[in-house]
Amino acid sequence: MNTKHNADFPIRALELHSLYAWDYNWIIKTMDFMKDMGFNTLILHRNDFIDLIVYPGKYFGCEPKEQDTIFETYSQIFRKLYRYTPTRRSGPYQRRAFLTRVLEQAARREIAVYIENKELYFPDILLEFFPHLVKEGHICASDPFWPEFLKVKYRDFFREFPQIAGIITAPATGESRVSVTSNRCTCDRCRAMKKADWFDTILRAMYEPIHEAGKTLVVRDFVFNPEAHKEIGAVMEQLPDDVIISLKNTPHDYYPTFPDNRRIGQAGPHRQWIEYDAMGQYFGWGIAIADLTEDYRRRMIFAKEKGAEGVIFRTDWESLDGHTAFLTPNKINLYAGALLSCRLDTSHEEICRLYLEKEGFLNQAARPEDAAYSVSWLGALMENTWQVASRLLFVQGCVFSDSSLMPVSLEHGFWLAEEKNSLKAWDPAKADALAPDLVHLEAALTEKKEALKLAEDLYRQSLQPPKGIRAEKAEWIKERFLIYQEFAHMYAAAVCALMLARYVLETKESPASSYYMEKRRELTEAIEALGRWEPRLRSMMAETNYHPHTIYTLMDPDRVRCLYRSLRELEESL
């Protein structure tokens, strides 16, 4: 692919999470794919990445000189390391060798490498060295030690790795070890501290050593509510002009049913990168297949119009070890990202053709007309997959899953949908989307019926592969769509039972009405239908050997059993 010039997005990145970030062979395969597909930036994401690879020396009694490496540091502190934190003694210099090799391989392929994390992170031993950092059992986010620590560890890091292009960080999520967002310290300084001031202090402390090293700081707007969005946004706009702003394509995580992130195009003089999910943390992990080509296209056109220069496609998720878009049909999203980032008017047919060719689906002896039909056949299959996922894992656009896993109770399901992952916070028109009334219940139940019909139709289509598809690949596709159909029926059973339970328990409509009595009966039937999935899934676990193993995580009989028991207890209390 000739993608070096005139691309719609000059920065085209893949982001690796999970244990794959430390698997050398996997990273090499990923970089080969990147080189072939025109991606030019690799992002290695792990929240404690920096802390796993530097000591830092100062806190163990070493003041490194400019030309020193980790080994000069180690030669001065090995006794103290072994005494205080033996498991950190050899880990950093071994990981240093790993990362050095990765960087050499990336340079050969002309791929820039960024490290992504969530600050603040730190090694546990610091709390023993500096006990004042903990006040009444809580780590103090406002302690002035933290900005100093950040400068020390990033100077150590860039002394070792001058090849790293920069650092990508998110200070506002509360998913780090210390953050003003999740701060539980109640000291006078913390009570008086403004969140915006904390964000500014932390980011400027990071910027100083990163800028000194001639590298780039990239700041993400990863947040969970509009208030935090506003707080971190105001700080980001005031950062030095060479800081890049990285924005998720939607305002709250990677929910394709949510509106565009309103901060795109609101970054002042800063360059903008836009983040997308390819694997499917919230839309089925590629087990519930979801081809997002058209969603990508629409959102990337919007981002381009707002001045974005870079796109990032996340291939996996740090909380799901051993899983990646590369292992599922959702790999087509990586092809879509590669082609659309170079030319936004690339057709879905072109993407499907390249996917089939590169992934070895086409028979070598296939006639041109058979190959062409194979492309259109795959396109017809894949272009409707999102229509299933959007009606299945979401209810009227609301996130109704725990990162694609079914809820474990009635309370859990609606907490996920209305509090943790609230759509109405970003789209007020969705305020009553899950209301326990006739109109909204019927909309939800109809949506699930539509999802099941579509899933069944896709499975039937998968049973008729064209002659141009190799036999083993045709069998793989059939299996993927069979699993998708099974997952769809299981998940629809859970959502229907939950929606009916909420209506019966909470509606203000008359319990004497014929509609209410009908739904009361349907609730009993829905709970029993859900319960039948437990033995079915146990049989699947015992009798099949699907790959990847995360199929069994998504379709866990014990999770079904938990929800079934919870709903049965609620029903019995009526």
Protein backbone atom coordinates (compact mmCIF):
# COMPACT_ATOMS: atom_id res chain seq x y z
CA MET A 1 0.00 0.00 0.00
CA ASN A 2 1.32 3.43 -0.91
CA THR A 3 0.13 5.38 2.13
CA LYS A 4 3.03 7.67 2.95
CA HIS A 5 1.71 10.69 1.11
CA ASN A 6 -1.60 12.50 0.81
CA ALA A 7 -3.31 10.38 3.48
CA ASP A 8 -6.41 11.83 5.08
CA PHE A 9 -4.77 11.17 8.48
CA PRO A 10 -0.95 11.34 8.50
CA ILE A 11 -0.76 9.65 11.93
CA ARG A 12 -2.20 6.12 11.77
CA ALA A 13 -1.71 4.13 14.96
CA LEU A 14 -2.44 0.71 16.43
CA GLU A 15 -2.66 0.40 20.20
CA LEU A 16 -1.78 -2.79 22.07
CA HIS A 17 -2.97 -3.52 25.62
CA SER A 18 -3.10 -6.63 27.77
CA LEU A 19 -0.36 -9.27 28.05
CA TYR A 20 0.39 -8.94 24.36
CA ALA A 21 2.30 -5.79 25.30
CA TRP A 22 5.05 -8.03 26.70
CA ASP A 23 4.91 -10.75 24.02
CA TYR A 24 7.79 -10.07 21.65
CA ASN A 25 6.64 -12.41 18.88
CA TRP A 26 3.17 -10.92 18.93
CA ILE A 27 4.53 -7.38 18.72
CA ILE A 28 6.70 -8.37 15.74
CA LYS A 29 3.66 -9.86 13.97
CA THR A 30 1.70 -6.71 14.76
CA MET A 31 4.43 -4.47 13.36
CA ASP A 32 4.63 -6.56 10.21
CA PHE A 33 0.88 -6.11 9.78
CA MET A 34 1.27 -2.38 10.44
CA LYS A 35 4.02 -2.03 7.86
CA ASP A 36 1.97 -3.91 5.30
CA MET A 37 -1.17 -1.85 5.97
CA GLY A 38 0.42 1.58 6.22
CA PHE A 39 0.14 2.14 9.98
CA ASN A 40 3.08 4.25 11.15
CA THR A 41 2.66 4.49 14.93
CA LEU A 42 2.63 1.77 17.60
CA ILE A 43 1.20 2.50 21.05
CA LEU A 44 2.05 0.17 23.94
CA HIS A 45 -0.49 0.65 26.71
CA ARG A 46 -0.14 -0.48 30.28
CA ASN A 47 -0.98 1.72 33.25
CA ASP A 48 2.23 0.92 35.12
CA PHE A 49 4.47 0.64 32.04
CA ILE A 50 7.03 3.24 33.16
CA ASP A 51 7.10 1.95 36.73
CA LEU A 52 7.86 -1.58 35.57
CA ILE A 53 10.91 -0.47 33.61
CA VAL A 54 12.66 2.15 35.81
CA TYR A 55 13.63 1.83 39.49
CA PRO A 56 13.86 4.99 39.74
CA GLY A 57 17.40 5.27 41.05
CA LYS A 58 17.12 8.45 43.14
CA TYR A 59 14.87 6.82 45.73
CA PHE A 60 17.32 3.99 46.28
CA GLY A 61 20.32 6.29 46.77
CA CYS A 62 21.62 6.79 43.21
CA GLU A 63 21.91 10.04 41.24
CA PRO A 64 22.53 8.89 37.65
CA LYS A 65 24.87 10.85 35.38
CA GLU A 66 23.79 11.91 31.92
CA GLN A 67 25.40 8.98 30.08
CA ASP A 68 24.54 6.34 32.67
CA THR A 69 22.28 3.41 31.81
CA ILE A 70 20.16 1.29 34.09
CA PHE A 71 23.21 -0.85 34.80
CA GLU A 72 25.21 1.99 36.37
CA THR A 73 22.16 2.67 38.51
CA TYR A 74 21.82 -0.99 39.42
CA SER A 75 25.50 -1.26 40.32
CA GLN A 76 24.92 1.31 43.08
CA ILE A 77 21.58 0.16 44.46
CA PHE A 78 21.38 -3.63 44.05
CA ARG A 79 21.79 -4.31 47.78
CA LYS A 80 19.03 -1.87 48.76
CA LEU A 81 16.79 -3.21 46.01
CA TYR A 82 17.18 -6.76 47.23
CA ARG A 83 16.55 -5.72 50.81
CA TYR A 84 13.43 -3.65 50.19
CA THR A 85 11.86 -4.92 46.99
CA PRO A 86 13.49 -8.11 45.70
CA THR A 87 10.87 -8.71 43.00
CA ARG A 88 11.84 -5.38 41.39
CA ARG A 89 15.55 -6.17 41.49
CA SER A 90 15.98 -7.71 38.03
CA GLY A 91 12.61 -6.97 36.40
CA PRO A 92 13.36 -3.44 35.14
CA TYR A 93 16.64 -4.25 33.40
CA GLN A 94 15.13 -7.36 31.80
CA ARG A 95 12.16 -5.35 30.52
CA ARG A 96 14.64 -2.71 29.34
CA ALA A 97 16.27 -5.31 27.09
CA PHE A 98 12.84 -6.34 25.78
CA LEU A 99 11.79 -2.79 24.97
CA THR A 100 15.17 -1.96 23.43
CA ARG A 101 14.72 -4.85 21.01
CA VAL A 102 11.15 -3.80 20.17
CA LEU A 103 12.35 -0.27 19.44
CA GLU A 104 15.08 -1.56 17.13
CA GLN A 105 12.51 -3.61 15.20
CA ALA A 106 10.14 -0.65 15.02
CA ALA A 107 12.89 1.59 13.62
CA ARG A 108 13.56 -0.93 10.83
CA ARG A 109 9.90 -0.63 9.83
CA GLU A 110 9.80 3.19 10.22
CA ILE A 111 7.23 2.88 13.02
CA ALA A 112 7.18 5.43 15.84
CA VAL A 113 6.54 4.02 19.33
CA TYR A 114 4.59 5.75 22.11
CA ILE A 115 3.97 4.52 25.64
CA GLU A 116 0.48 5.01 27.05
CA ASN A 117 -0.45 4.92 30.72
CA LYS A 118 -2.72 6.47 33.33
CA GLU A 119 -0.96 8.66 35.89
CA LEU A 120 -0.27 8.61 38.76
CA TYR A 121 1.31 5.16 39.10
CA PHE A 122 4.21 4.26 41.39
CA PRO A 123 5.95 1.25 43.01
CA ASP A 124 4.62 0.22 46.44
CA ILE A 125 8.00 0.70 48.12
CA LEU A 126 7.62 4.48 47.90
CA LEU A 127 4.93 4.34 50.59
CA GLU A 128 7.45 2.74 52.94
CA PHE A 129 10.19 5.21 52.04
CA PHE A 130 7.81 8.17 52.41
CA PRO A 131 5.13 7.23 54.96
CA HIS A 132 3.74 10.78 54.96
CA LEU A 133 2.19 10.02 51.57
CA VAL A 134 -0.52 8.07 53.38
CA LYS A 135 -2.85 9.98 55.68
CA GLU A 136 -5.39 8.09 57.78
CA GLY A 137 -5.12 5.08 55.50
CA HIS A 138 -5.51 6.99 52.21
CA ILE A 139 -2.85 8.01 49.68
CA CYS A 140 -2.70 11.78 49.53
CA ALA A 141 -3.14 13.01 45.95
CA SER A 142 -2.13 16.58 46.76
CA ASP A 143 1.25 15.83 48.33
CA PRO A 144 4.01 17.89 46.62
CA PHE A 145 6.14 14.74 46.42
CA TRP A 146 4.22 13.52 43.37
CA PRO A 147 5.28 16.17 40.84
CA GLU A 148 8.91 15.63 41.87
CA PHE A 149 8.51 11.86 41.49
CA LEU A 150 7.09 12.24 37.99
CA LYS A 151 10.04 14.35 36.88
CA VAL A 152 12.50 11.83 38.31
CA LYS A 153 10.96 8.74 36.74
CA TYR A 154 10.47 10.26 33.30
CA ARG A 155 14.04 11.56 33.22
CA ASP A 156 15.21 8.05 34.09
CA PHE A 157 12.97 6.59 31.41
CA PHE A 158 14.10 8.84 28.57
CA ARG A 159 17.75 8.45 29.57
CA GLU A 160 17.26 4.75 28.79
CA PHE A 161 14.94 5.06 25.79
CA PRO A 162 15.69 8.11 23.63
CA GLN A 163 14.04 6.25 20.72
CA ILE A 164 10.56 6.53 22.30
CA ALA A 165 8.50 9.15 20.46
CA GLY A 166 6.49 10.23 23.47
CA ILE A 167 4.09 9.51 26.31
CA ILE A 168 0.31 9.29 26.11
CA THR A 169 -1.45 9.70 29.45
CA ALA A 170 -4.90 10.07 30.99
CA PRO A 171 -4.95 11.80 34.39
CA ALA A 172 -8.72 12.19 34.83
CA THR A 173 -10.13 8.65 34.80
CA GLY A 174 -9.65 7.57 38.41
CA GLU A 175 -8.21 4.30 37.07
CA SER A 176 -4.67 5.14 38.19
CA ARG A 177 -3.25 4.50 41.66
CA VAL A 178 -3.53 8.17 42.63
CA SER A 179 -5.88 10.69 41.07
CA VAL A 180 -7.85 13.68 42.24
CA THR A 181 -10.81 12.04 40.48
CA SER A 182 -10.87 9.14 42.94
CA ASN A 183 -9.00 10.79 45.82
CA ARG A 184 -10.14 9.59 49.26
CA CYS A 185 -7.69 11.63 51.30
CA THR A 186 -9.43 14.24 53.47
CA CYS A 187 -6.44 16.28 54.63
CA ASP A 188 -6.83 20.08 54.60
CA ARG A 189 -4.78 20.42 51.42
CA CYS A 190 -6.85 17.80 49.55
CA ARG A 191 -10.14 19.36 50.67
CA ALA A 192 -9.00 22.74 49.37
CA MET A 193 -7.57 21.41 46.12
CA LYS A 194 -9.38 22.04 42.83
CA LYS A 195 -9.39 19.17 40.36
CA ALA A 196 -8.28 21.41 37.51
CA ASP A 197 -5.25 22.56 39.55
CA TRP A 198 -4.25 18.95 40.22
CA PHE A 199 -4.53 18.01 36.54
CA ASP A 200 -2.44 21.03 35.59
CA THR A 201 0.27 20.28 38.18
CA ILE A 202 0.58 16.62 37.16
CA LEU A 203 0.62 17.28 33.43
CA ARG A 204 3.17 20.08 33.66
CA ALA A 205 5.39 17.92 35.88
CA MET A 206 5.32 15.27 33.16
CA TYR A 207 5.77 17.77 30.35
CA GLU A 208 9.05 19.15 31.73
CA PRO A 209 11.22 15.99 31.39
CA ILE A 210 9.38 14.83 28.25
CA HIS A 211 9.98 18.18 26.56
CA GLU A 212 13.61 18.23 27.75
CA ALA A 213 14.12 14.89 26.00
CA GLY A 214 12.70 16.32 22.79
CA LYS A 215 9.67 14.04 22.95
CA THR A 216 5.92 14.55 22.76
CA LEU A 217 3.32 14.55 25.53
CA VAL A 218 -0.11 13.38 24.42
CA VAL A 219 -2.99 13.97 26.85
CA ARG A 220 -6.22 11.99 26.68
CA ASP A 221 -9.67 13.23 27.68
CA PHE A 222 -10.73 9.82 29.06
CA VAL A 223 -13.51 10.65 31.57
CA PHE A 224 -16.85 9.26 32.79
CA ASN A 225 -19.13 12.30 33.00
CA PRO A 226 -19.62 15.77 31.47
CA GLU A 227 -18.32 17.57 34.57
CA ALA A 228 -14.97 15.77 34.40
CA HIS A 229 -14.92 16.38 30.64
CA LYS A 230 -15.19 20.10 31.25
CA GLU A 231 -12.55 20.08 34.02
CA ILE A 232 -9.86 18.22 32.11
CA GLY A 233 -10.75 20.00 28.85
CA ALA A 234 -10.12 23.43 30.37
CA VAL A 235 -6.67 22.30 31.56
CA MET A 236 -5.75 20.62 28.27
CA GLU A 237 -6.43 23.80 26.32
CA GLN A 238 -3.92 25.72 28.48
CA LEU A 239 -1.04 23.26 28.02
CA PRO A 240 1.94 24.20 25.81
CA ASP A 241 1.09 24.22 22.12
CA ASP A 242 3.27 21.20 21.29
CA VAL A 243 1.17 18.92 23.54
CA ILE A 244 -1.12 16.70 21.44
CA ILE A 245 -4.72 16.16 22.54
CA SER A 246 -6.07 12.62 22.14
CA LEU A 247 -9.86 12.34 22.16
CA LYS A 248 -12.08 9.29 22.14
CA ASN A 249 -14.45 9.33 19.19
CA THR A 250 -17.39 9.31 21.63
CA PRO A 251 -17.47 11.34 24.85
CA HIS A 252 -17.61 8.38 27.23
CA ASP A 253 -15.53 5.35 26.39
CA TYR A 254 -16.02 3.39 23.15
CA TYR A 255 -19.81 3.19 22.81
CA PRO A 256 -20.75 3.33 19.10
CA THR A 257 -24.36 4.21 19.98
CA PHE A 258 -23.21 7.42 21.70
CA PRO A 259 -22.92 10.81 19.95
CA ASP A 260 -19.66 12.23 18.63
CA ASN A 261 -17.28 13.58 21.24
CA ARG A 262 -18.16 17.28 21.37
CA ARG A 263 -14.58 18.19 22.29
CA ILE A 264 -13.29 17.13 18.88
CA GLY A 265 -12.32 20.38 17.21
CA GLN A 266 -12.21 22.21 20.54
CA ALA A 267 -8.49 21.73 21.24
CA GLY A 268 -7.27 25.26 20.58
CA PRO A 269 -3.86 25.27 18.85
CA HIS A 270 -3.18 21.65 19.75
CA ARG A 271 -2.94 18.81 17.27
CA GLN A 272 -5.65 16.19 17.71
CA TRP A 273 -5.64 12.40 17.57
CA ILE A 274 -8.92 10.47 17.69
CA GLU A 275 -9.29 7.04 19.32
CA TYR A 276 -11.43 4.10 18.11
CA ASP A 277 -11.95 0.56 19.38
CA ALA A 278 -11.58 -2.32 16.91
CA MET A 279 -11.75 -5.31 19.26
CA GLY A 280 -15.11 -4.48 20.86
CA GLN A 281 -14.86 -4.05 24.62
CA TYR A 282 -18.48 -2.88 24.63
CA PHE A 283 -19.81 -4.52 21.48
CA GLY A 284 -19.05 -8.20 21.87
CA TRP A 285 -15.26 -8.71 21.68
CA GLY A 286 -15.53 -9.93 18.07
CA ILE A 287 -17.37 -12.98 19.41
CA ALA A 288 -20.50 -10.97 18.85
CA ILE A 289 -19.11 -9.79 15.51
CA ALA A 290 -19.33 -6.08 14.72
CA ASP A 291 -17.96 -4.59 11.50
CA LEU A 292 -17.74 -0.85 12.24
CA THR A 293 -16.67 0.33 8.77
CA GLU A 294 -19.54 2.76 8.28
CA ASP A 295 -19.41 4.04 11.86
CA TYR A 296 -15.68 4.66 11.41
CA ARG A 297 -16.27 6.42 8.11
CA ARG A 298 -18.89 8.81 9.49
CA ARG A 299 -16.93 9.62 12.63
CA MET A 300 -13.62 9.97 10.80
CA ILE A 301 -15.19 12.39 8.31
CA PHE A 302 -16.42 14.40 11.29
CA ALA A 303 -12.94 14.29 12.89
CA LYS A 304 -11.24 15.29 9.64
CA GLU A 305 -13.58 18.27 9.29
CA LYS A 306 -12.66 19.27 12.86
CA GLY A 307 -8.94 19.28 12.05
CA ALA A 308 -7.78 15.93 13.49
CA GLU A 309 -4.46 14.69 12.12
CA GLY A 310 -4.25 11.24 13.70
CA VAL A 311 -6.35 8.14 14.35
CA ILE A 312 -5.71 5.36 16.86
CA PHE A 313 -7.28 1.89 16.67
CA ARG A 314 -7.27 -0.14 19.85
CA THR A 315 -6.73 -3.85 19.15
CA ASP A 316 -7.40 -5.25 22.63
CA TRP A 317 -8.30 -4.37 26.22
CA GLU A 318 -6.07 -4.46 29.30
CA SER A 319 -8.70 -6.29 31.39
CA LEU A 320 -9.09 -9.19 28.94
CA ASP A 321 -5.77 -10.99 28.81
CA GLY A 322 -5.08 -13.17 25.80
CA HIS A 323 -7.68 -11.60 23.53
CA THR A 324 -7.37 -9.26 20.55
CA ALA A 325 -9.14 -8.19 17.38
CA PHE A 326 -6.50 -10.18 15.50
CA LEU A 327 -8.15 -13.43 16.71
CA THR A 328 -11.71 -12.68 15.57
CA PRO A 329 -13.65 -11.50 12.51
CA ASN A 330 -13.43 -8.01 14.02
CA LYS A 331 -9.97 -7.90 12.48
CA ILE A 332 -11.82 -6.43 9.51
CA ASN A 333 -12.05 -3.24 11.60
CA LEU A 334 -8.26 -2.95 11.43
CA TYR A 335 -8.40 -3.18 7.64
CA ALA A 336 -11.17 -0.58 7.63
CA GLY A 337 -9.12 1.70 9.87
CA ALA A 338 -6.04 1.32 7.69
CA LEU A 339 -7.81 2.03 4.41
CA LEU A 340 -10.18 4.75 5.62
CA SER A 341 -7.41 6.67 7.38
CA CYS A 342 -5.65 6.92 4.04
CA ARG A 343 -8.75 7.54 1.92
CA LEU A 344 -12.09 8.19 3.56
CA ASP A 345 -14.06 7.28 0.45
CA THR A 346 -12.69 3.72 0.38
CA SER A 347 -15.62 1.40 -0.28
CA HIS A 348 -16.68 -1.44 2.00
CA GLU A 349 -16.14 -3.74 -0.99
CA GLU A 350 -12.47 -2.70 -1.23
CA ILE A 351 -12.02 -3.37 2.49
CA CYS A 352 -13.63 -6.82 2.24
CA ARG A 353 -11.53 -7.71 -0.81
CA LEU A 354 -8.28 -6.78 0.93
CA TYR A 355 -9.34 -8.66 4.09
CA LEU A 356 -10.08 -11.83 2.10
CA GLU A 357 -6.83 -11.59 0.16
CA LYS A 358 -4.54 -10.80 3.09
CA GLU A 359 -6.15 -13.31 5.46
CA GLY A 360 -5.89 -16.17 2.97
CA PHE A 361 -9.61 -16.77 2.44
CA LEU A 362 -9.60 -17.00 -1.35
CA ASN A 363 -8.87 -20.17 -3.27
CA GLN A 364 -5.76 -19.69 -5.37
CA ALA A 365 -7.50 -21.36 -8.31
CA ALA A 366 -10.69 -19.33 -7.98
CA ARG A 367 -11.97 -17.75 -11.17
CA PRO A 368 -12.22 -13.93 -11.14
CA GLU A 369 -16.01 -14.10 -11.02
CA ASP A 370 -15.88 -16.50 -8.05
CA ALA A 371 -13.47 -14.21 -6.20
CA ALA A 372 -15.71 -11.22 -6.93
CA TYR A 373 -18.77 -13.07 -5.63
CA SER A 374 -16.82 -14.05 -2.49
CA VAL A 375 -16.16 -10.39 -1.80
CA SER A 376 -19.82 -9.44 -2.17
CA TRP A 377 -20.87 -12.43 -0.05
CA LEU A 378 -18.55 -11.44 2.79
CA GLY A 379 -19.64 -7.82 2.49
CA ALA A 380 -23.31 -8.80 2.84
CA LEU A 381 -22.46 -10.83 5.95
CA MET A 382 -20.26 -8.29 7.66
CA GLU A 383 -22.17 -5.08 6.92
CA ASN A 384 -25.14 -6.29 9.02
CA THR A 385 -23.19 -7.53 12.02
CA TRP A 386 -23.28 -4.15 13.78
CA GLN A 387 -27.05 -4.07 13.33
CA VAL A 388 -27.21 -7.17 15.54
CA ALA A 389 -24.76 -5.95 18.17
CA SER A 390 -26.35 -2.51 18.42
CA ARG A 391 -29.77 -4.04 19.11
CA LEU A 392 -28.43 -6.77 21.39
CA LEU A 393 -25.82 -5.36 23.76
CA PHE A 394 -27.49 -1.96 23.93
CA VAL A 395 -31.08 -1.09 24.82
CA GLN A 396 -32.33 1.89 22.84
CA GLY A 397 -28.70 2.97 22.56
CA CYS A 398 -27.97 2.62 26.28
CA VAL A 399 -25.04 0.44 27.38
CA PHE A 400 -26.67 -2.64 28.89
CA SER A 401 -23.60 -4.73 29.57
CA ASP A 402 -20.57 -4.95 31.80
CA SER A 403 -17.99 -4.55 29.02
CA SER A 404 -20.09 -6.93 26.86
CA LEU A 405 -20.82 -9.33 29.74
CA MET A 406 -24.42 -9.71 30.82
CA PRO A 407 -25.42 -8.02 34.10
CA VAL A 408 -25.53 -10.23 37.22
CA SER A 409 -28.65 -8.69 38.80
CA LEU A 410 -31.47 -6.27 38.10
CA GLU A 411 -29.76 -3.54 40.10
CA HIS A 412 -26.45 -4.16 38.33
CA GLY A 413 -27.99 -3.92 34.86
CA PHE A 414 -29.65 -0.57 35.40
CA TRP A 415 -26.68 0.82 37.34
CA LEU A 416 -24.54 0.06 34.30
CA ALA A 417 -27.02 1.62 31.89
CA GLU A 418 -28.18 4.67 33.82
CA GLU A 419 -25.31 5.56 36.17
CA LYS A 420 -21.93 4.16 35.24
CA ASN A 421 -22.38 4.38 31.46
CA SER A 422 -25.15 6.95 31.28
CA LEU A 423 -26.20 7.90 27.76
CA LYS A 424 -28.62 10.54 29.01
CA ALA A 425 -25.66 12.48 30.47
CA TRP A 426 -24.53 13.11 26.87
CA ASP A 427 -27.91 12.92 25.09
CA PRO A 428 -30.81 14.31 27.17
CA ALA A 429 -33.29 12.89 24.65
CA LYS A 430 -32.45 9.46 26.09
CA ALA A 431 -33.50 10.38 29.65
CA ASP A 432 -36.48 7.98 29.59
CA ALA A 433 -35.06 5.33 27.25
CA LEU A 434 -35.30 2.62 29.92
CA ALA A 435 -38.39 3.85 31.73
CA PRO A 436 -40.66 1.08 33.11
CA ASP A 437 -43.69 1.85 30.98
CA LEU A 438 -45.51 0.21 28.09
CA VAL A 439 -43.91 2.32 25.34
CA HIS A 440 -40.28 1.84 26.38
CA LEU A 441 -40.69 -1.81 27.37
CA GLU A 442 -42.21 -2.69 24.00
CA ALA A 443 -39.43 -0.81 22.19
CA ALA A 444 -36.79 -2.81 24.08
CA LEU A 445 -38.49 -6.18 23.53
CA THR A 446 -39.02 -5.45 19.82
CA GLU A 447 -35.38 -4.46 19.49
CA LYS A 448 -34.27 -7.84 20.89
CA LYS A 449 -36.57 -9.71 18.47
CA GLU A 450 -35.02 -7.79 15.60
CA ALA A 451 -31.51 -8.64 16.81
CA LEU A 452 -32.33 -12.35 16.98
CA LYS A 453 -33.87 -12.42 13.51
CA LEU A 454 -30.82 -10.67 12.06
CA ALA A 455 -28.43 -13.04 13.87
CA GLU A 456 -30.31 -16.06 12.55
CA ASP A 457 -30.34 -14.65 9.03
CA LEU A 458 -26.58 -14.09 9.14
CA TYR A 459 -25.95 -17.62 10.37
CA ARG A 460 -28.05 -19.02 7.50
CA GLN A 461 -26.09 -16.91 5.04
CA SER A 462 -22.81 -18.22 6.49
CA LEU A 463 -23.93 -21.78 5.67
CA GLN A 464 -23.78 -20.98 1.94
CA PRO A 465 -20.12 -20.01 1.32
CA PRO A 466 -19.16 -19.34 -2.30
CA LYS A 467 -16.76 -21.55 -4.22
CA GLY A 468 -14.07 -18.90 -4.07
CA ILE A 469 -13.62 -19.32 -0.29
CA ARG A 470 -11.18 -21.98 0.95
CA ALA A 471 -12.93 -24.83 2.77
CA GLU A 472 -11.21 -24.38 6.14
CA LYS A 473 -11.91 -20.65 6.11
CA ALA A 474 -15.56 -21.30 5.21
CA GLU A 475 -15.84 -23.62 8.22
CA TRP A 476 -14.30 -20.96 10.46
CA ILE A 477 -16.84 -18.37 9.29
CA LYS A 478 -19.74 -20.79 9.88
CA GLU A 479 -18.49 -21.47 13.40
CA ARG A 480 -18.10 -17.76 14.16
CA PHE A 481 -21.68 -17.01 13.10
CA LEU A 482 -23.04 -20.06 14.93
CA ILE A 483 -21.42 -18.77 18.13
CA TYR A 484 -22.77 -15.28 17.39
CA GLN A 485 -26.29 -16.72 17.05
CA GLU A 486 -25.97 -18.62 20.33
CA PHE A 487 -24.65 -15.57 22.13
CA ALA A 488 -27.46 -13.45 20.72
CA HIS A 489 -30.15 -15.80 22.02
CA MET A 490 -28.50 -16.05 25.44
CA TYR A 491 -28.05 -12.30 25.78
CA ALA A 492 -31.53 -11.48 24.52
CA ALA A 493 -32.96 -13.87 27.11
CA ALA A 494 -31.14 -11.97 29.85
CA VAL A 495 -32.17 -8.49 28.65
CA CYS A 496 -35.81 -9.43 28.13
CA ALA A 497 -36.01 -10.90 31.63
CA LEU A 498 -34.42 -7.79 33.11
CA MET A 499 -36.63 -5.34 31.25
CA LEU A 500 -39.78 -7.28 32.15
CA ALA A 501 -38.69 -7.51 35.81
CA ARG A 502 -38.17 -3.77 36.02
CA TYR A 503 -41.54 -3.08 34.45
CA VAL A 504 -43.39 -5.45 36.79
CA LEU A 505 -41.58 -4.14 39.87
CA GLU A 506 -41.46 -0.40 39.14
CA THR A 507 -44.13 0.65 36.67
CA LYS A 508 -46.68 3.25 37.69
CA GLU A 509 -49.19 1.80 35.28
CA SER A 510 -52.13 -0.06 36.75
CA PRO A 511 -51.32 -3.59 38.02
CA ALA A 512 -54.93 -4.46 37.29
CA SER A 513 -54.57 -3.77 33.57
CA SER A 514 -54.58 -6.64 31.10
CA TYR A 515 -51.20 -5.45 29.78
CA TYR A 516 -49.62 -5.62 33.23
CA MET A 517 -51.02 -9.10 33.87
CA GLU A 518 -49.72 -10.26 30.49
CA LYS A 519 -46.21 -8.95 31.26
CA ARG A 520 -46.34 -10.54 34.70
CA ARG A 521 -46.87 -13.92 33.00
CA GLU A 522 -44.18 -13.16 30.43
CA LEU A 523 -41.73 -12.39 33.23
CA THR A 524 -42.14 -15.89 34.67
CA GLU A 525 -41.62 -17.37 31.22
CA ALA A 526 -38.60 -15.14 30.54
CA ILE A 527 -36.89 -16.08 33.81
CA GLU A 528 -37.37 -19.78 33.10
CA ALA A 529 -36.10 -19.29 29.54
CA LEU A 530 -32.99 -17.63 30.96
CA GLY A 531 -32.50 -20.49 33.42
CA ARG A 532 -32.39 -23.04 30.60
CA TRP A 533 -29.21 -21.41 29.33
CA GLU A 534 -27.12 -22.60 32.28
CA PRO A 535 -27.15 -26.33 31.37
CA ARG A 536 -26.88 -25.46 27.69
CA LEU A 537 -23.70 -23.48 28.31
CA ARG A 538 -22.27 -26.16 30.59
CA SER A 539 -22.71 -28.65 27.75
CA MET A 540 -21.01 -26.24 25.37
CA MET A 541 -18.03 -25.93 27.74
CA ALA A 542 -17.73 -29.71 28.07
CA GLU A 543 -18.25 -30.62 24.43
CA THR A 544 -16.50 -27.90 22.42
CA ASN A 545 -13.01 -26.47 22.07
CA TYR A 546 -13.55 -23.04 20.54
CA HIS A 547 -10.77 -20.52 20.10
CA PRO A 548 -10.22 -17.97 21.55
CA HIS A 549 -10.92 -19.12 25.09
CA THR A 550 -12.73 -15.84 25.83
CA ILE A 551 -15.82 -17.25 24.10
CA TYR A 552 -16.35 -19.15 27.35
CA THR A 553 -15.79 -15.99 29.38
CA LEU A 554 -18.53 -14.19 27.50
CA MET A 555 -20.87 -17.20 27.76
CA ASP A 556 -20.20 -18.28 31.34
CA PRO A 557 -22.91 -20.58 32.81
CA ASP A 558 -22.16 -19.39 36.34
CA ARG A 559 -22.88 -15.80 35.32
CA VAL A 560 -26.21 -16.90 33.84
CA ARG A 561 -26.95 -18.85 37.00
CA CYS A 562 -26.27 -15.79 39.15
CA LEU A 563 -28.66 -13.59 37.18
CA TYR A 564 -31.30 -16.33 37.04
CA ARG A 565 -31.22 -16.86 40.82
CA SER A 566 -31.36 -13.12 41.42
CA LEU A 567 -34.45 -12.71 39.23
CA ARG A 568 -36.13 -15.79 40.68
CA GLU A 569 -35.75 -14.37 44.17
CA LEU A 570 -37.25 -11.07 43.04
CA GLU A 571 -40.17 -12.82 41.41
CA GLU A 572 -40.86 -14.94 44.45
CA SER A 573 -41.02 -11.81 46.57
CA LEU A 574 -43.85 -10.34 44.46
